[in-house]
Amino acid sequence: MATIRYLAYGSNLHPERLRRRTSSAVLLTTWKLTGWRLSFDKRGFDGSAKATIAATDDDGDLVHAAIFELSLDEKPALDRIEGVNRGYHAHVLSLPDLGEVHTYKADTEFQDGSLVPFRWYRDLVLHGARFHGFPRAYVDDIAAVPVIEDSDDARQREHDDILAAMRRAMAEAAGDPTTDNPTTDNPTTDDPATEKE
């Protein structure tokens, strides 16, 4: 089976979320992109902000990400879900030891710093960052992103169900399969994410 490598930094960070979109996805490792910055300013079609990344050439900026392998056959579906040609564009990075990895970046004309994400969207990113054990300061920055509630009840329930599944997965990984409390998700640590050597 032909495969590609995909770098997730936002709402697809958690394997539970990504596998609902691309069932073949397998987590390979986490990664640190030095000289890049995460922001929540891509204008979504629902009127809220989505995440994107941008190169800054400042070594003080850092994006923590997850690298997945998935079937090449599922790439067109992921492109469609991620909004290629509808505010995002596909972007390819070359990483040491990993080679070519695919990701998505917002088109400049779709960026609007006045927008904020829905709570459920911010929490998808937050749960993913906690799942991977990203550094506490990085996780805290995501948690501090201002949010609004989604007025679409059906969409809110759909994503609340996904978030609950994420919490269960993290609880099971921590050895407590009965836990479904967002305050007891996989605790973050001050250890940096492990960049593949």
C-alpha atoms as a PDB file:
ATOM      1  CA  MET A   1       0.000   0.000   0.000  1.00  0.00           C
ATOM      2  CA  ALA A   2       1.397   3.376  -1.001  1.00  0.00           C
ATOM      3  CA  THR A   3       1.551   5.766   1.955  1.00  0.00           C
ATOM      4  CA  ILE A   4       2.368   9.367   2.782  1.00  0.00           C
ATOM      5  CA  ARG A   5       3.419  11.101   5.969  1.00  0.00           C
ATOM      6  CA  TYR A   6       1.194  13.814   7.354  1.00  0.00           C
ATOM      7  CA  LEU A   7       2.092  16.483   9.902  1.00  0.00           C
ATOM      8  CA  ALA A   8      -0.815  17.440  12.171  1.00  0.00           C
ATOM      9  CA  TYR A   9      -0.660  20.528  14.381  1.00  0.00           C
ATOM     10  CA  GLY A  10      -4.290  21.460  15.019  1.00  0.00           C
ATOM     11  CA  SER A  11      -7.604  19.656  15.282  1.00  0.00           C
ATOM     12  CA  ASN A  12      -6.145  16.428  13.824  1.00  0.00           C
ATOM     13  CA  LEU A  13      -3.466  16.046  16.500  1.00  0.00           C
ATOM     14  CA  HIS A  14      -5.326  13.347  18.418  1.00  0.00           C
ATOM     15  CA  PRO A  15      -5.368   9.939  16.669  1.00  0.00           C
ATOM     16  CA  GLU A  16      -9.031   9.482  17.628  1.00  0.00           C
ATOM     17  CA  ARG A  17      -9.969  12.549  15.597  1.00  0.00           C
ATOM     18  CA  LEU A  18      -7.764  11.813  12.587  1.00  0.00           C
ATOM     19  CA  ARG A  19      -8.822   8.161  12.287  1.00  0.00           C
ATOM     20  CA  ARG A  20     -12.432   9.247  11.999  1.00  0.00           C
ATOM     21  CA  ARG A  21     -11.333  11.094   8.857  1.00  0.00           C
ATOM     22  CA  THR A  22      -8.627   8.761   7.525  1.00  0.00           C
ATOM     23  CA  SER A  23      -9.001   5.296   8.997  1.00  0.00           C
ATOM     24  CA  SER A  24      -5.533   4.150   7.918  1.00  0.00           C
ATOM     25  CA  ALA A  25      -3.699   6.801   9.978  1.00  0.00           C
ATOM     26  CA  VAL A  26      -0.918   5.455  12.199  1.00  0.00           C
ATOM     27  CA  LEU A  27       0.971   7.688  14.630  1.00  0.00           C
ATOM     28  CA  LEU A  28       4.715   7.609  13.965  1.00  0.00           C
ATOM     29  CA  THR A  29       6.216  10.247  16.251  1.00  0.00           C
ATOM     30  CA  THR A  30       5.964  13.814  17.496  1.00  0.00           C
ATOM     31  CA  TRP A  31       7.988  16.651  16.058  1.00  0.00           C
ATOM     32  CA  LYS A  32       9.125  20.172  16.849  1.00  0.00           C
ATOM     33  CA  LEU A  33       9.064  22.762  14.079  1.00  0.00           C
ATOM     34  CA  THR A  34      11.534  25.454  15.098  1.00  0.00           C
ATOM     35  CA  GLY A  35      10.962  28.870  13.556  1.00  0.00           C
ATOM     36  CA  TRP A  36       7.236  28.273  13.077  1.00  0.00           C
ATOM     37  CA  ARG A  37       4.224  29.679  14.908  1.00  0.00           C
ATOM     38  CA  LEU A  38       0.745  28.301  15.610  1.00  0.00           C
ATOM     39  CA  SER A  39      -2.167  30.723  15.352  1.00  0.00           C
ATOM     40  CA  PHE A  40      -5.962  30.591  15.405  1.00  0.00           C
ATOM     41  CA  ASP A  41      -6.810  33.120  12.710  1.00  0.00           C
ATOM     42  CA  LYS A  42      -7.894  31.196   9.619  1.00  0.00           C
ATOM     43  CA  ARG A  43     -11.459  32.187   8.717  1.00  0.00           C
ATOM     44  CA  GLY A  44     -13.651  29.093   8.588  1.00  0.00           C
ATOM     45  CA  PHE A  45     -16.837  28.793   6.565  1.00  0.00           C
ATOM     46  CA  ASP A  46     -18.741  28.551   9.844  1.00  0.00           C
ATOM     47  CA  GLY A  47     -17.538  32.060  10.744  1.00  0.00           C
ATOM     48  CA  SER A  48     -15.106  30.977  13.442  1.00  0.00           C
ATOM     49  CA  ALA A  49     -11.308  30.814  13.557  1.00  0.00           C
ATOM     50  CA  LYS A  50      -9.339  27.688  12.696  1.00  0.00           C
ATOM     51  CA  ALA A  51      -5.666  26.890  13.271  1.00  0.00           C
ATOM     52  CA  THR A  52      -2.786  27.406  10.896  1.00  0.00           C
ATOM     53  CA  ILE A  53       0.992  27.589  11.046  1.00  0.00           C
ATOM     54  CA  ALA A  54       3.451  29.988   9.497  1.00  0.00           C
ATOM     55  CA  ALA A  55       7.224  30.140   9.209  1.00  0.00           C
ATOM     56  CA  THR A  56       8.709  33.049  11.170  1.00  0.00           C
ATOM     57  CA  ASP A  57      12.465  32.375  10.908  1.00  0.00           C
ATOM     58  CA  ASP A  58      12.620  33.139  14.643  1.00  0.00           C
ATOM     59  CA  ASP A  59      14.261  30.292  16.558  1.00  0.00           C
ATOM     60  CA  GLY A  60      12.231  31.330  19.592  1.00  0.00           C
ATOM     61  CA  ASP A  61       9.021  30.255  17.849  1.00  0.00           C
ATOM     62  CA  LEU A  62       8.044  26.603  17.994  1.00  0.00           C
ATOM     63  CA  VAL A  63       5.173  24.427  16.798  1.00  0.00           C
ATOM     64  CA  HIS A  64       4.670  20.983  18.316  1.00  0.00           C
ATOM     65  CA  ALA A  65       3.190  18.511  15.871  1.00  0.00           C
ATOM     66  CA  ALA A  66       2.439  14.836  15.320  1.00  0.00           C
ATOM     67  CA  ILE A  67       3.568  12.812  12.327  1.00  0.00           C
ATOM     68  CA  PHE A  68       1.172  10.192  10.980  1.00  0.00           C
ATOM     69  CA  GLU A  69       1.448   7.714   8.154  1.00  0.00           C
ATOM     70  CA  LEU A  70      -1.677   7.169   6.093  1.00  0.00           C
ATOM     71  CA  SER A  71      -2.735   5.601   2.835  1.00  0.00           C
ATOM     72  CA  LEU A  72      -2.089   7.668  -0.266  1.00  0.00           C
ATOM     73  CA  ASP A  73      -5.623   6.758  -1.367  1.00  0.00           C
ATOM     74  CA  GLU A  74      -6.995   8.771   1.569  1.00  0.00           C
ATOM     75  CA  LYS A  75      -5.066  11.958   0.758  1.00  0.00           C
ATOM     76  CA  PRO A  76      -7.761  13.365  -1.597  1.00  0.00           C
ATOM     77  CA  ALA A  77     -10.392  12.913   1.124  1.00  0.00           C
ATOM     78  CA  LEU A  78      -8.162  14.649   3.672  1.00  0.00           C
ATOM     79  CA  ASP A  79      -7.521  17.483   1.213  1.00  0.00           C
ATOM     80  CA  ARG A  80     -11.266  17.936   0.833  1.00  0.00           C
ATOM     81  CA  ILE A  81     -11.938  17.811   4.585  1.00  0.00           C
ATOM     82  CA  GLU A  82      -9.117  20.248   5.300  1.00  0.00           C
ATOM     83  CA  GLY A  83     -10.422  22.731   2.754  1.00  0.00           C
ATOM     84  CA  VAL A  84      -7.807  22.723   0.018  1.00  0.00           C
ATOM     85  CA  ASN A  85      -8.678  25.495  -2.455  1.00  0.00           C
ATOM     86  CA  ARG A  86     -11.231  26.756   0.089  1.00  0.00           C
ATOM     87  CA  GLY A  87      -8.964  28.674   2.446  1.00  0.00           C
ATOM     88  CA  TYR A  88      -6.180  26.172   2.986  1.00  0.00           C
ATOM     89  CA  HIS A  89      -3.507  24.914   0.635  1.00  0.00           C
ATOM     90  CA  ALA A  90      -1.433  21.741   0.757  1.00  0.00           C
ATOM     91  CA  HIS A  91       2.153  22.267   1.851  1.00  0.00           C
ATOM     92  CA  VAL A  92       5.098  19.864   1.819  1.00  0.00           C
ATOM     93  CA  LEU A  93       7.977  19.984   4.290  1.00  0.00           C
ATOM     94  CA  SER A  94      11.245  18.072   4.192  1.00  0.00           C
ATOM     95  CA  LEU A  95      12.209  16.883   7.682  1.00  0.00           C
ATOM     96  CA  PRO A  96      15.463  15.236   8.780  1.00  0.00           C
ATOM     97  CA  ASP A  97      15.209  11.410   8.808  1.00  0.00           C
ATOM     98  CA  LEU A  98      11.529  11.569   7.846  1.00  0.00           C
ATOM     99  CA  GLY A  99      11.815  13.112   4.414  1.00  0.00           C
ATOM    100  CA  GLU A 100       8.706  14.539   2.771  1.00  0.00           C
ATOM    101  CA  VAL A 101       5.710  15.242   5.010  1.00  0.00           C
ATOM    102  CA  HIS A 102       2.413  16.794   3.999  1.00  0.00           C
ATOM    103  CA  THR A 103       0.481  19.417   5.922  1.00  0.00           C
ATOM    104  CA  TYR A 104      -1.900  22.349   5.349  1.00  0.00           C
ATOM    105  CA  LYS A 105      -1.527  26.117   5.709  1.00  0.00           C
ATOM    106  CA  ALA A 106      -4.084  28.903   5.524  1.00  0.00           C
ATOM    107  CA  ASP A 107      -4.207  31.142   2.488  1.00  0.00           C
ATOM    108  CA  THR A 108      -3.262  34.681   3.504  1.00  0.00           C
ATOM    109  CA  GLU A 109      -6.519  36.159   2.254  1.00  0.00           C
ATOM    110  CA  PHE A 110      -8.439  33.836   4.587  1.00  0.00           C
ATOM    111  CA  GLN A 111      -6.628  34.974   7.738  1.00  0.00           C
ATOM    112  CA  ASP A 112      -8.423  37.325  10.118  1.00  0.00           C
ATOM    113  CA  GLY A 113      -6.955  38.058  13.528  1.00  0.00           C
ATOM    114  CA  SER A 114     -10.270  39.391  14.852  1.00  0.00           C
ATOM    115  CA  LEU A 115     -11.874  35.934  14.875  1.00  0.00           C
ATOM    116  CA  VAL A 116     -11.845  33.350  17.677  1.00  0.00           C
ATOM    117  CA  PRO A 117     -12.496  29.591  17.482  1.00  0.00           C
ATOM    118  CA  PHE A 118     -15.483  27.691  18.784  1.00  0.00           C
ATOM    119  CA  ARG A 119     -14.820  26.062  22.144  1.00  0.00           C
ATOM    120  CA  TRP A 120     -15.062  22.566  20.665  1.00  0.00           C
ATOM    121  CA  TYR A 121     -12.474  23.381  18.001  1.00  0.00           C
ATOM    122  CA  ARG A 122      -9.989  24.839  20.488  1.00  0.00           C
ATOM    123  CA  ASP A 123     -10.557  21.777  22.684  1.00  0.00           C
ATOM    124  CA  LEU A 124      -9.804  19.373  19.818  1.00  0.00           C
ATOM    125  CA  VAL A 125      -6.370  21.002  19.546  1.00  0.00           C
ATOM    126  CA  LEU A 126      -5.978  21.114  23.325  1.00  0.00           C
ATOM    127  CA  HIS A 127      -6.848  17.427  23.811  1.00  0.00           C
ATOM    128  CA  GLY A 128      -4.424  16.486  21.054  1.00  0.00           C
ATOM    129  CA  ALA A 129      -1.623  18.477  22.666  1.00  0.00           C
ATOM    130  CA  ARG A 130      -2.338  16.819  26.022  1.00  0.00           C
ATOM    131  CA  PHE A 131      -2.461  13.369  24.444  1.00  0.00           C
ATOM    132  CA  HIS A 132       1.043  13.791  23.041  1.00  0.00           C
ATOM    133  CA  GLY A 133       2.428  15.206  26.285  1.00  0.00           C
ATOM    134  CA  PHE A 134       3.499  18.490  24.760  1.00  0.00           C
ATOM    135  CA  PRO A 135       5.237  20.905  27.166  1.00  0.00           C
ATOM    136  CA  ARG A 136       2.995  22.482  29.771  1.00  0.00           C
ATOM    137  CA  ALA A 137       3.639  26.048  28.604  1.00  0.00           C
ATOM    138  CA  TYR A 138       2.643  25.140  25.044  1.00  0.00           C
ATOM    139  CA  VAL A 139      -0.536  23.409  26.234  1.00  0.00           C
ATOM    140  CA  ASP A 140      -1.355  26.329  28.519  1.00  0.00           C
ATOM    141  CA  ASP A 141      -1.045  28.748  25.595  1.00  0.00           C
ATOM    142  CA  ILE A 142      -3.625  26.711  23.658  1.00  0.00           C
ATOM    143  CA  ALA A 143      -5.911  26.539  26.696  1.00  0.00           C
ATOM    144  CA  ALA A 144      -5.726  30.330  26.994  1.00  0.00           C
ATOM    145  CA  VAL A 145      -7.002  30.944  23.450  1.00  0.00           C
ATOM    146  CA  PRO A 146     -10.330  32.859  23.709  1.00  0.00           C
ATOM    147  CA  VAL A 147     -13.352  30.925  22.435  1.00  0.00           C
ATOM    148  CA  ILE A 148     -17.022  31.332  21.643  1.00  0.00           C
ATOM    149  CA  GLU A 149     -19.788  28.759  21.900  1.00  0.00           C
ATOM    150  CA  ASP A 150     -21.182  27.234  18.723  1.00  0.00           C
ATOM    151  CA  SER A 151     -24.816  28.209  18.162  1.00  0.00           C
ATOM    152  CA  ASP A 152     -25.318  25.127  15.973  1.00  0.00           C
ATOM    153  CA  ASP A 153     -26.483  22.583  18.560  1.00  0.00           C
ATOM    154  CA  ALA A 154     -26.080  19.567  16.289  1.00  0.00           C
ATOM    155  CA  ARG A 155     -22.512  20.489  15.377  1.00  0.00           C
ATOM    156  CA  GLN A 156     -21.756  21.168  19.035  1.00  0.00           C
ATOM    157  CA  ARG A 157     -23.075  17.728  20.071  1.00  0.00           C
ATOM    158  CA  GLU A 158     -21.150  16.010  17.282  1.00  0.00           C
ATOM    159  CA  HIS A 159     -17.872  17.466  18.449  1.00  0.00           C
ATOM    160  CA  ASP A 160     -18.653  16.989  22.120  1.00  0.00           C
ATOM    161  CA  ASP A 161     -19.013  13.279  21.317  1.00  0.00           C
ATOM    162  CA  ILE A 162     -15.596  13.300  19.628  1.00  0.00           C
ATOM    163  CA  LEU A 163     -14.062  15.081  22.612  1.00  0.00           C
ATOM    164  CA  ALA A 164     -15.589  12.517  24.963  1.00  0.00           C
ATOM    165  CA  ALA A 165     -14.043   9.709  22.886  1.00  0.00           C
ATOM    166  CA  MET A 166     -10.676  11.487  23.126  1.00  0.00           C
ATOM    167  CA  ARG A 167     -10.978  11.681  26.905  1.00  0.00           C
ATOM    168  CA  ARG A 168     -11.804   7.986  27.085  1.00  0.00           C
ATOM    169  CA  ALA A 169      -8.797   7.133  24.921  1.00  0.00           C
ATOM    170  CA  MET A 170      -6.511   9.180  27.134  1.00  0.00           C
ATOM    171  CA  ALA A 171      -7.991   7.658  30.291  1.00  0.00           C
ATOM    172  CA  GLU A 172      -7.489   4.147  28.927  1.00  0.00           C
ATOM    173  CA  ALA A 173      -3.898   4.988  28.011  1.00  0.00           C
ATOM    174  CA  ALA A 174      -3.418   6.166  31.596  1.00  0.00           C
ATOM    175  CA  GLY A 175      -4.906   2.919  32.928  1.00  0.00           C
ATOM    176  CA  ASP A 176      -8.297   4.307  33.997  1.00  0.00           C
ATOM    177  CA  PRO A 177     -10.885   3.215  31.408  1.00  0.00           C
ATOM    178  CA  THR A 178     -13.806   4.544  33.484  1.00  0.00           C
ATOM    179  CA  THR A 179     -12.628   8.140  33.497  1.00  0.00           C
ATOM    180  CA  ASP A 180     -14.480  10.666  31.334  1.00  0.00           C
ATOM    181  CA  ASN A 181     -13.615  13.847  33.161  1.00  0.00           C
ATOM    182  CA  PRO A 182     -11.927  16.586  31.107  1.00  0.00           C
ATOM    183  CA  THR A 183     -10.061  17.786  34.190  1.00  0.00           C
ATOM    184  CA  THR A 184      -8.290  14.429  34.505  1.00  0.00           C
ATOM    185  CA  ASP A 185      -7.078  14.097  30.934  1.00  0.00           C
ATOM    186  CA  ASN A 186      -3.575  12.835  30.335  1.00  0.00           C
ATOM    187  CA  PRO A 187      -1.608  15.345  32.452  1.00  0.00           C
ATOM    188  CA  THR A 188       0.884  17.519  30.670  1.00  0.00           C
ATOM    189  CA  THR A 189       4.494  17.509  31.736  1.00  0.00           C
ATOM    190  CA  ASP A 190       7.362  19.919  31.402  1.00  0.00           C
ATOM    191  CA  ASP A 191       9.306  17.421  29.303  1.00  0.00           C
ATOM    192  CA  PRO A 192       9.753  18.595  25.711  1.00  0.00           C
ATOM    193  CA  ALA A 193       8.184  16.634  22.897  1.00  0.00           C
ATOM    194  CA  THR A 194      10.625  14.114  21.483  1.00  0.00           C
ATOM    195  CA  GLU A 195      11.908  15.097  18.095  1.00  0.00           C
ATOM    196  CA  LYS A 196      12.899  12.091  16.034  1.00  0.00           C
ATOM    197  CA  GLU A 197      16.689  11.867  15.899  1.00  0.00           C
END
